[in-house]
Amino acid sequence: MGGTEHLTVRREGATLVLTLNRPEARNALSIGMLVGLYDGWLEADEDDAIRSVVLTGAGGSFCAGMDLKALAGDPMAGEHHRDRLKADPDLHWKAMLRHHRPRKPVIAAVEGHCVAGGTEILQGTDIRVAGESATFGLFEVRRGLFPIGGSTVRLQRQIPRTHALEMLLTGRPYSAREAAGIGLIGHVVPDGTALTEALEIAERINACGPLAVEAVKASVYETAELTETDGLAAELKRGWPIFDTADAREGARAFAQKRPPVYKRA
């Protein structure tokens, strides 16, 4: 497992837990955090023992967006990681899930601030849980900036356009209850329990057939912008081969024998 000074990595069974770890700055994005995030997504993609990923933040915050000191050009910020950025100029967009979609389901566990770049990363996750005191929002326009992490494209596809435009154009904060009401997040839980809830969801996913889970996730995203006819054709192409796997046969046997299945990704 990797990790950097601002991103910790650990395993909880078959779940990879990535923790944004810069609590003194409300987990504002740094070069070290972005490098660690990208490496975490790659680890999840490449290791078949990992069946889900939980993304969370340390110290009671999720992510307060980009480190504006680094954006302003602090010459010492993340200097020891700059070779990685030179080798892959797209690395920061992949880390923020703008130019990369992990194969495995990604569950966000949000406490505290999830604003600006934090809300942009959130839009690249699949399932979202938040503590009741969490705060969301895209503050960029208030700072004369543009939310270039994908929000002008993705947000209107994830929530009604009127809500997307209000969030984008006013730069105001949204409570967890309000974010759930417009469909930005799926679960609101007592403060301090978002990670526990996210891990429980991950465990339910991990108990399912991994080939089926990955194919279902891929199909949802592949067909999102297709016509119904084209989407159904794409679904068959993606889903039909799953029925001819050892995992599918194991699932059927386990159901008939009334026992938990043992999947082997075959």
C-alpha atoms as a PDB file:
ATOM      1  CA  MET A   1       0.000   0.000   0.000  1.00  0.00           C
ATOM      2  CA  GLY A   2       1.156   3.497  -0.802  1.00  0.00           C
ATOM      3  CA  GLY A   3       0.175   6.827   0.670  1.00  0.00           C
ATOM      4  CA  THR A   4       1.861  10.190   1.075  1.00  0.00           C
ATOM      5  CA  GLU A   5       2.241  12.799   3.779  1.00  0.00           C
ATOM      6  CA  HIS A   6      -1.312  14.000   3.013  1.00  0.00           C
ATOM      7  CA  LEU A   7      -3.047  10.758   1.985  1.00  0.00           C
ATOM      8  CA  THR A   8      -3.249   7.608   4.089  1.00  0.00           C
ATOM      9  CA  VAL A   9      -4.130   4.160   2.781  1.00  0.00           C
ATOM     10  CA  ARG A  10      -5.391   1.166   4.722  1.00  0.00           C
ATOM     11  CA  ARG A  11      -7.387  -2.007   4.164  1.00  0.00           C
ATOM     12  CA  GLU A  12     -10.647  -2.959   5.844  1.00  0.00           C
ATOM     13  CA  GLY A  13     -11.127  -6.496   4.544  1.00  0.00           C
ATOM     14  CA  ALA A  14     -11.756  -6.161   0.821  1.00  0.00           C
ATOM     15  CA  THR A  15     -12.226  -2.381   1.064  1.00  0.00           C
ATOM     16  CA  LEU A  16      -9.450   0.117   0.398  1.00  0.00           C
ATOM     17  CA  VAL A  17      -9.852   3.195   2.600  1.00  0.00           C
ATOM     18  CA  LEU A  18      -8.274   6.399   1.282  1.00  0.00           C
ATOM     19  CA  THR A  19      -8.132   9.215   3.832  1.00  0.00           C
ATOM     20  CA  LEU A  20      -7.397  12.820   2.910  1.00  0.00           C
ATOM     21  CA  ASN A  21      -5.026  13.640   5.748  1.00  0.00           C
ATOM     22  CA  ARG A  22      -4.335  17.326   6.145  1.00  0.00           C
ATOM     23  CA  PRO A  23      -6.723  18.235   8.953  1.00  0.00           C
ATOM     24  CA  GLU A  24      -4.946  21.476   9.866  1.00  0.00           C
ATOM     25  CA  ALA A  25      -6.059  22.807   6.449  1.00  0.00           C
ATOM     26  CA  ARG A  26      -9.465  21.063   6.432  1.00  0.00           C
ATOM     27  CA  ASN A  27      -7.888  18.625   3.973  1.00  0.00           C
ATOM     28  CA  ALA A  28      -7.356  21.222   1.272  1.00  0.00           C
ATOM     29  CA  LEU A  29      -5.867  19.601  -1.809  1.00  0.00           C
ATOM     30  CA  SER A  30      -2.092  19.559  -2.008  1.00  0.00           C
ATOM     31  CA  ILE A  31       0.287  18.037  -4.516  1.00  0.00           C
ATOM     32  CA  GLY A  32       1.080  15.241  -2.077  1.00  0.00           C
ATOM     33  CA  MET A  33      -2.609  14.536  -1.587  1.00  0.00           C
ATOM     34  CA  LEU A  34      -3.257  14.387  -5.338  1.00  0.00           C
ATOM     35  CA  VAL A  35      -0.330  12.039  -5.936  1.00  0.00           C
ATOM     36  CA  GLY A  36      -1.518   9.771  -3.132  1.00  0.00           C
ATOM     37  CA  LEU A  37      -5.079   9.781  -4.436  1.00  0.00           C
ATOM     38  CA  TYR A  38      -4.041   8.808  -7.935  1.00  0.00           C
ATOM     39  CA  ASP A  39      -1.863   5.991  -6.607  1.00  0.00           C
ATOM     40  CA  GLY A  40      -4.816   4.808  -4.504  1.00  0.00           C
ATOM     41  CA  TRP A  41      -7.127   4.637  -7.514  1.00  0.00           C
ATOM     42  CA  LEU A  42      -4.488   2.661  -9.409  1.00  0.00           C
ATOM     43  CA  GLU A  43      -4.031   0.249  -6.499  1.00  0.00           C
ATOM     44  CA  ALA A  44      -7.773  -0.389  -6.403  1.00  0.00           C
ATOM     45  CA  ASP A  45      -7.894  -0.970 -10.163  1.00  0.00           C
ATOM     46  CA  GLU A  46      -4.943  -3.342 -10.226  1.00  0.00           C
ATOM     47  CA  ASP A  47      -5.549  -5.443  -7.092  1.00  0.00           C
ATOM     48  CA  ASP A  48      -8.390  -7.942  -7.545  1.00  0.00           C
ATOM     49  CA  ALA A  49      -8.524  -8.508  -3.780  1.00  0.00           C
ATOM     50  CA  ILE A  50      -9.915  -4.973  -3.473  1.00  0.00           C
ATOM     51  CA  ARG A  51     -13.647  -4.927  -4.189  1.00  0.00           C
ATOM     52  CA  SER A  52     -14.597  -1.412  -3.102  1.00  0.00           C
ATOM     53  CA  VAL A  53     -13.054   1.899  -2.094  1.00  0.00           C
ATOM     54  CA  VAL A  54     -14.077   4.327   0.627  1.00  0.00           C
ATOM     55  CA  LEU A  55     -12.873   7.927   0.355  1.00  0.00           C
ATOM     56  CA  THR A  56     -12.963  10.030   3.519  1.00  0.00           C
ATOM     57  CA  GLY A  57     -11.170  12.836   5.325  1.00  0.00           C
ATOM     58  CA  ALA A  58      -9.298  13.139   8.619  1.00  0.00           C
ATOM     59  CA  GLY A  59     -10.057  15.493  11.477  1.00  0.00           C
ATOM     60  CA  GLY A  60     -13.758  16.062  10.905  1.00  0.00           C
ATOM     61  CA  SER A  61     -13.545  17.467   7.364  1.00  0.00           C
ATOM     62  CA  PHE A  62     -13.752  15.888   3.934  1.00  0.00           C
ATOM     63  CA  CYS A  63     -12.036  18.444   1.675  1.00  0.00           C
ATOM     64  CA  ALA A  64     -12.075  22.250   1.546  1.00  0.00           C
ATOM     65  CA  GLY A  65     -10.909  22.422  -2.063  1.00  0.00           C
ATOM     66  CA  MET A  66      -7.629  23.465  -3.604  1.00  0.00           C
ATOM     67  CA  ASP A  67      -4.825  24.840  -1.454  1.00  0.00           C
ATOM     68  CA  LEU A  68      -4.924  28.484  -2.563  1.00  0.00           C
ATOM     69  CA  LYS A  69      -1.363  29.068  -1.338  1.00  0.00           C
ATOM     70  CA  ALA A  70      -0.161  26.361  -3.704  1.00  0.00           C
ATOM     71  CA  LEU A  71      -2.364  27.806  -6.447  1.00  0.00           C
ATOM     72  CA  ALA A  72      -0.763  31.215  -5.861  1.00  0.00           C
ATOM     73  CA  GLY A  73       2.626  29.655  -6.520  1.00  0.00           C
ATOM     74  CA  ASP A  74       4.284  28.661  -3.233  1.00  0.00           C
ATOM     75  CA  PRO A  75       7.609  27.377  -4.610  1.00  0.00           C
ATOM     76  CA  MET A  76       8.062  24.847  -1.808  1.00  0.00           C
ATOM     77  CA  ALA A  77       4.593  23.272  -1.879  1.00  0.00           C
ATOM     78  CA  GLY A  78       4.939  19.557  -2.665  1.00  0.00           C
ATOM     79  CA  GLU A  79       8.346  20.043  -4.265  1.00  0.00           C
ATOM     80  CA  HIS A  80       9.343  16.394  -3.773  1.00  0.00           C
ATOM     81  CA  HIS A  81       6.309  15.258  -5.831  1.00  0.00           C
ATOM     82  CA  ARG A  82       6.825  17.544  -8.816  1.00  0.00           C
ATOM     83  CA  ASP A  83       8.628  14.885 -10.852  1.00  0.00           C
ATOM     84  CA  ARG A  84       5.401  12.848 -10.813  1.00  0.00           C
ATOM     85  CA  LEU A  85       3.456  15.798 -12.181  1.00  0.00           C
ATOM     86  CA  LYS A  86       6.047  16.414 -14.881  1.00  0.00           C
ATOM     87  CA  ALA A  87       5.925  12.766 -15.903  1.00  0.00           C
ATOM     88  CA  ASP A  88       2.104  12.833 -16.083  1.00  0.00           C
ATOM     89  CA  PRO A  89       0.673  16.349 -16.533  1.00  0.00           C
ATOM     90  CA  ASP A  90      -2.843  14.844 -16.293  1.00  0.00           C
ATOM     91  CA  LEU A  91      -2.205  13.261 -12.876  1.00  0.00           C
ATOM     92  CA  HIS A  92      -4.125  15.876 -10.857  1.00  0.00           C
ATOM     93  CA  TRP A  93      -7.254  15.437 -12.998  1.00  0.00           C
ATOM     94  CA  LYS A  94      -7.047  11.666 -12.653  1.00  0.00           C
ATOM     95  CA  ALA A  95      -6.629  12.033  -8.885  1.00  0.00           C
ATOM     96  CA  MET A  96      -9.770  14.193  -8.696  1.00  0.00           C
ATOM     97  CA  LEU A  97     -11.709  11.611 -10.739  1.00  0.00           C
ATOM     98  CA  ARG A  98     -12.159  14.054 -13.619  1.00  0.00           C
ATOM     99  CA  HIS A  99     -10.169  11.956 -16.093  1.00  0.00           C
ATOM    100  CA  HIS A 100     -10.283   8.578 -14.385  1.00  0.00           C
ATOM    101  CA  ARG A 101     -13.102   6.284 -13.318  1.00  0.00           C
ATOM    102  CA  PRO A 102     -12.061   3.457 -10.968  1.00  0.00           C
ATOM    103  CA  ARG A 103     -13.307  -0.037 -11.848  1.00  0.00           C
ATOM    104  CA  LYS A 104     -14.433  -0.659  -8.290  1.00  0.00           C
ATOM    105  CA  PRO A 105     -17.322   1.163  -6.557  1.00  0.00           C
ATOM    106  CA  VAL A 106     -16.205   4.300  -4.703  1.00  0.00           C
ATOM    107  CA  ILE A 107     -18.133   5.381  -1.595  1.00  0.00           C
ATOM    108  CA  ALA A 108     -17.620   8.857  -0.141  1.00  0.00           C
ATOM    109  CA  ALA A 109     -17.821   9.244   3.642  1.00  0.00           C
ATOM    110  CA  VAL A 110     -18.203  12.968   4.302  1.00  0.00           C
ATOM    111  CA  GLU A 111     -17.914  14.869   7.561  1.00  0.00           C
ATOM    112  CA  GLY A 112     -17.575  18.633   7.880  1.00  0.00           C
ATOM    113  CA  HIS A 113     -16.500  20.687   4.889  1.00  0.00           C
ATOM    114  CA  CYS A 114     -16.896  19.197   1.409  1.00  0.00           C
ATOM    115  CA  VAL A 115     -16.681  22.347  -0.685  1.00  0.00           C
ATOM    116  CA  ALA A 116     -15.136  23.639  -3.918  1.00  0.00           C
ATOM    117  CA  GLY A 117     -12.733  20.897  -5.079  1.00  0.00           C
ATOM    118  CA  GLY A 118     -14.190  18.635  -2.406  1.00  0.00           C
ATOM    119  CA  THR A 119     -17.631  18.817  -4.015  1.00  0.00           C
ATOM    120  CA  GLU A 120     -15.970  18.299  -7.399  1.00  0.00           C
ATOM    121  CA  ILE A 121     -14.248  15.077  -6.278  1.00  0.00           C
ATOM    122  CA  LEU A 122     -17.541  13.993  -4.708  1.00  0.00           C
ATOM    123  CA  GLN A 123     -19.166  14.020  -8.154  1.00  0.00           C
ATOM    124  CA  GLY A 124     -16.704  11.332  -9.287  1.00  0.00           C
ATOM    125  CA  THR A 125     -17.774   8.942  -6.514  1.00  0.00           C
ATOM    126  CA  ASP A 126     -20.583   6.399  -6.841  1.00  0.00           C
ATOM    127  CA  ILE A 127     -22.319   6.337  -3.435  1.00  0.00           C
ATOM    128  CA  ARG A 128     -22.261   9.212  -0.925  1.00  0.00           C
ATOM    129  CA  VAL A 129     -22.795   9.284   2.834  1.00  0.00           C
ATOM    130  CA  ALA A 130     -22.594  12.445   4.953  1.00  0.00           C
ATOM    131  CA  GLY A 131     -22.753  13.424   8.588  1.00  0.00           C
ATOM    132  CA  GLU A 132     -25.677  15.724   9.347  1.00  0.00           C
ATOM    133  CA  SER A 133     -23.414  18.759   9.941  1.00  0.00           C
ATOM    134  CA  ALA A 134     -21.541  18.379   6.643  1.00  0.00           C
ATOM    135  CA  THR A 135     -21.407  21.369   4.309  1.00  0.00           C
ATOM    136  CA  PHE A 136     -21.323  21.252   0.510  1.00  0.00           C
ATOM    137  CA  GLY A 137     -20.921  23.883  -2.179  1.00  0.00           C
ATOM    138  CA  LEU A 138     -19.013  25.159  -5.174  1.00  0.00           C
ATOM    139  CA  PHE A 139     -17.516  28.463  -3.972  1.00  0.00           C
ATOM    140  CA  GLU A 140     -15.342  29.175  -7.014  1.00  0.00           C
ATOM    141  CA  VAL A 141     -17.401  32.031  -8.501  1.00  0.00           C
ATOM    142  CA  ARG A 142     -17.200  33.912  -5.191  1.00  0.00           C
ATOM    143  CA  ARG A 143     -13.419  33.872  -5.576  1.00  0.00           C
ATOM    144  CA  GLY A 144     -13.446  34.821  -9.243  1.00  0.00           C
ATOM    145  CA  LEU A 145     -12.580  31.253 -10.217  1.00  0.00           C
ATOM    146  CA  PHE A 146     -14.128  28.541 -12.393  1.00  0.00           C
ATOM    147  CA  PRO A 147     -15.036  25.071 -11.026  1.00  0.00           C
ATOM    148  CA  ILE A 148     -12.930  23.327 -13.630  1.00  0.00           C
ATOM    149  CA  GLY A 149     -12.936  19.928 -11.921  1.00  0.00           C
ATOM    150  CA  GLY A 150     -15.920  18.871 -13.993  1.00  0.00           C
ATOM    151  CA  SER A 151     -18.859  20.466 -12.176  1.00  0.00           C
ATOM    152  CA  THR A 152     -20.334  22.469 -15.067  1.00  0.00           C
ATOM    153  CA  VAL A 153     -20.634  19.162 -16.944  1.00  0.00           C
ATOM    154  CA  ARG A 154     -21.368  16.571 -14.268  1.00  0.00           C
ATOM    155  CA  LEU A 155     -23.525  18.372 -11.762  1.00  0.00           C
ATOM    156  CA  GLN A 156     -26.435  18.964 -14.148  1.00  0.00           C
ATOM    157  CA  ARG A 157     -26.373  15.248 -14.986  1.00  0.00           C
ATOM    158  CA  GLN A 158     -26.529  14.236 -11.328  1.00  0.00           C
ATOM    159  CA  ILE A 159     -29.083  16.678  -9.927  1.00  0.00           C
ATOM    160  CA  PRO A 160     -31.841  18.788 -11.561  1.00  0.00           C
ATOM    161  CA  ARG A 161     -30.392  21.592 -13.688  1.00  0.00           C
ATOM    162  CA  THR A 162     -32.090  24.354 -11.707  1.00  0.00           C
ATOM    163  CA  HIS A 163     -30.334  23.162  -8.540  1.00  0.00           C
ATOM    164  CA  ALA A 164     -27.045  22.664 -10.388  1.00  0.00           C
ATOM    165  CA  LEU A 165     -27.121  26.207 -11.731  1.00  0.00           C
ATOM    166  CA  GLU A 166     -28.019  27.684  -8.368  1.00  0.00           C
ATOM    167  CA  MET A 167     -25.132  25.858  -6.717  1.00  0.00           C
ATOM    168  CA  LEU A 168     -22.708  26.870  -9.476  1.00  0.00           C
ATOM    169  CA  LEU A 169     -23.798  30.500  -9.851  1.00  0.00           C
ATOM    170  CA  THR A 170     -24.368  31.541  -6.234  1.00  0.00           C
ATOM    171  CA  GLY A 171     -21.440  29.785  -4.586  1.00  0.00           C
ATOM    172  CA  ARG A 172     -23.531  29.366  -1.432  1.00  0.00           C
ATOM    173  CA  PRO A 173     -23.154  26.550   1.112  1.00  0.00           C
ATOM    174  CA  TYR A 174     -25.609  23.641   1.297  1.00  0.00           C
ATOM    175  CA  SER A 175     -26.383  21.596   4.387  1.00  0.00           C
ATOM    176  CA  ALA A 176     -26.311  17.803   4.273  1.00  0.00           C
ATOM    177  CA  ARG A 177     -30.111  17.667   4.425  1.00  0.00           C
ATOM    178  CA  GLU A 178     -30.398  20.108   1.536  1.00  0.00           C
ATOM    179  CA  ALA A 179     -27.765  18.219  -0.470  1.00  0.00           C
ATOM    180  CA  ALA A 180     -29.714  15.004   0.072  1.00  0.00           C
ATOM    181  CA  GLY A 181     -32.938  16.734  -0.913  1.00  0.00           C
ATOM    182  CA  ILE A 182     -31.565  17.692  -4.338  1.00  0.00           C
ATOM    183  CA  GLY A 183     -29.952  14.278  -4.833  1.00  0.00           C
ATOM    184  CA  LEU A 184     -26.269  15.201  -4.443  1.00  0.00           C
ATOM    185  CA  ILE A 185     -25.817  12.675  -1.617  1.00  0.00           C
ATOM    186  CA  GLY A 186     -27.703   9.527  -0.733  1.00  0.00           C
ATOM    187  CA  HIS A 187     -27.455   9.157   3.060  1.00  0.00           C
ATOM    188  CA  VAL A 188     -27.429  11.581   5.992  1.00  0.00           C
ATOM    189  CA  VAL A 189     -26.256  10.016   9.249  1.00  0.00           C
ATOM    190  CA  PRO A 190     -25.360  11.286  12.731  1.00  0.00           C
ATOM    191  CA  ASP A 191     -22.112  13.236  12.855  1.00  0.00           C
ATOM    192  CA  GLY A 192     -19.071  11.040  13.271  1.00  0.00           C
ATOM    193  CA  THR A 193     -20.701   7.943  11.744  1.00  0.00           C
ATOM    194  CA  ALA A 194     -20.314   8.571   7.994  1.00  0.00           C
ATOM    195  CA  LEU A 195     -17.269   6.325   7.725  1.00  0.00           C
ATOM    196  CA  THR A 196     -18.963   3.506   9.641  1.00  0.00           C
ATOM    197  CA  GLU A 197     -22.002   3.689   7.356  1.00  0.00           C
ATOM    198  CA  ALA A 198     -19.819   3.814   4.246  1.00  0.00           C
ATOM    199  CA  LEU A 199     -17.879   0.742   5.365  1.00  0.00           C
ATOM    200  CA  GLU A 200     -21.139  -1.117   5.982  1.00  0.00           C
ATOM    201  CA  ILE A 201     -22.291  -0.299   2.449  1.00  0.00           C
ATOM    202  CA  ALA A 202     -18.898  -1.422   1.157  1.00  0.00           C
ATOM    203  CA  GLU A 203     -19.258  -4.741   2.975  1.00  0.00           C
ATOM    204  CA  ARG A 204     -22.612  -5.338   1.329  1.00  0.00           C
ATOM    205  CA  ILE A 205     -21.014  -4.663  -2.055  1.00  0.00           C
ATOM    206  CA  ASN A 206     -18.030  -6.881  -1.220  1.00  0.00           C
ATOM    207  CA  ALA A 207     -20.377  -9.801  -0.521  1.00  0.00           C
ATOM    208  CA  CYS A 208     -21.635  -9.678  -4.117  1.00  0.00           C
ATOM    209  CA  GLY A 209     -20.032 -11.156  -7.209  1.00  0.00           C
ATOM    210  CA  PRO A 210     -17.080  -8.878  -8.077  1.00  0.00           C
ATOM    211  CA  LEU A 211     -17.301  -9.423 -11.825  1.00  0.00           C
ATOM    212  CA  ALA A 212     -21.002  -8.618 -11.724  1.00  0.00           C
ATOM    213  CA  VAL A 213     -20.442  -5.524  -9.577  1.00  0.00           C
ATOM    214  CA  GLU A 214     -17.789  -4.127 -11.909  1.00  0.00           C
ATOM    215  CA  ALA A 215     -19.881  -4.869 -15.001  1.00  0.00           C
ATOM    216  CA  VAL A 216     -22.971  -3.228 -13.498  1.00  0.00           C
ATOM    217  CA  LYS A 217     -21.020  -0.076 -12.583  1.00  0.00           C
ATOM    218  CA  ALA A 218     -19.465   0.094 -16.046  1.00  0.00           C
ATOM    219  CA  SER A 219     -22.844  -0.369 -17.723  1.00  0.00           C
ATOM    220  CA  VAL A 220     -24.486   2.419 -15.726  1.00  0.00           C
ATOM    221  CA  TYR A 221     -21.858   4.937 -16.804  1.00  0.00           C
ATOM    222  CA  GLU A 222     -21.504   3.665 -20.369  1.00  0.00           C
ATOM    223  CA  THR A 223     -25.226   3.944 -21.063  1.00  0.00           C
ATOM    224  CA  ALA A 224     -25.945   7.202 -19.239  1.00  0.00           C
ATOM    225  CA  GLU A 225     -25.910   9.380 -22.354  1.00  0.00           C
ATOM    226  CA  LEU A 226     -27.144   6.797 -24.877  1.00  0.00           C
ATOM    227  CA  THR A 227     -30.626   6.458 -26.293  1.00  0.00           C
ATOM    228  CA  GLU A 228     -32.698   3.731 -24.670  1.00  0.00           C
ATOM    229  CA  THR A 229     -32.246   1.472 -27.712  1.00  0.00           C
ATOM    230  CA  ASP A 230     -28.472   1.929 -27.813  1.00  0.00           C
ATOM    231  CA  GLY A 231     -28.251   1.656 -24.039  1.00  0.00           C
ATOM    232  CA  LEU A 232     -30.099  -1.657 -23.956  1.00  0.00           C
ATOM    233  CA  ALA A 233     -27.817  -3.022 -26.679  1.00  0.00           C
ATOM    234  CA  ALA A 234     -24.751  -1.905 -24.733  1.00  0.00           C
ATOM    235  CA  GLU A 235     -26.159  -3.450 -21.560  1.00  0.00           C
ATOM    236  CA  LEU A 236     -26.508  -6.844 -23.248  1.00  0.00           C
ATOM    237  CA  LYS A 237     -22.954  -6.655 -24.551  1.00  0.00           C
ATOM    238  CA  ARG A 238     -21.614  -5.837 -21.100  1.00  0.00           C
ATOM    239  CA  GLY A 239     -23.917  -8.035 -19.017  1.00  0.00           C
ATOM    240  CA  TRP A 240     -24.528 -11.243 -20.968  1.00  0.00           C
ATOM    241  CA  PRO A 241     -20.963 -12.623 -20.564  1.00  0.00           C
ATOM    242  CA  ILE A 242     -21.358 -12.435 -16.769  1.00  0.00           C
ATOM    243  CA  PHE A 243     -23.851 -15.327 -16.922  1.00  0.00           C
ATOM    244  CA  ASP A 244     -21.094 -17.583 -18.285  1.00  0.00           C
ATOM    245  CA  THR A 245     -18.675 -17.081 -15.389  1.00  0.00           C
ATOM    246  CA  ALA A 246     -17.742 -19.370 -12.532  1.00  0.00           C
ATOM    247  CA  ASP A 247     -18.903 -16.620 -10.170  1.00  0.00           C
ATOM    248  CA  ALA A 248     -22.406 -16.763 -11.658  1.00  0.00           C
ATOM    249  CA  ARG A 249     -22.508 -20.532 -11.228  1.00  0.00           C
ATOM    250  CA  GLU A 250     -21.253 -20.198  -7.660  1.00  0.00           C
ATOM    251  CA  GLY A 251     -23.946 -17.627  -6.919  1.00  0.00           C
ATOM    252  CA  ALA A 252     -26.648 -19.995  -8.188  1.00  0.00           C
ATOM    253  CA  ARG A 253     -25.259 -22.956  -6.212  1.00  0.00           C
ATOM    254  CA  ALA A 254     -24.982 -20.907  -3.029  1.00  0.00           C
ATOM    255  CA  PHE A 255     -28.577 -19.722  -3.402  1.00  0.00           C
ATOM    256  CA  ALA A 256     -29.826 -23.283  -3.915  1.00  0.00           C
ATOM    257  CA  GLN A 257     -27.798 -24.543  -0.957  1.00  0.00           C
ATOM    258  CA  LYS A 258     -28.784 -21.595   1.244  1.00  0.00           C
ATOM    259  CA  ARG A 259     -25.200 -20.639   2.047  1.00  0.00           C
ATOM    260  CA  PRO A 260     -23.020 -17.556   1.500  1.00  0.00           C
ATOM    261  CA  PRO A 261     -21.328 -17.612  -1.913  1.00  0.00           C
ATOM    262  CA  VAL A 262     -17.537 -17.751  -2.278  1.00  0.00           C
ATOM    263  CA  TYR A 263     -16.583 -15.718  -5.343  1.00  0.00           C
ATOM    264  CA  LYS A 264     -13.212 -16.048  -7.078  1.00  0.00           C
ATOM    265  CA  ARG A 265     -13.477 -13.544  -9.936  1.00  0.00           C
ATOM    266  CA  ALA A 266     -13.647 -16.300 -12.557  1.00  0.00           C
END
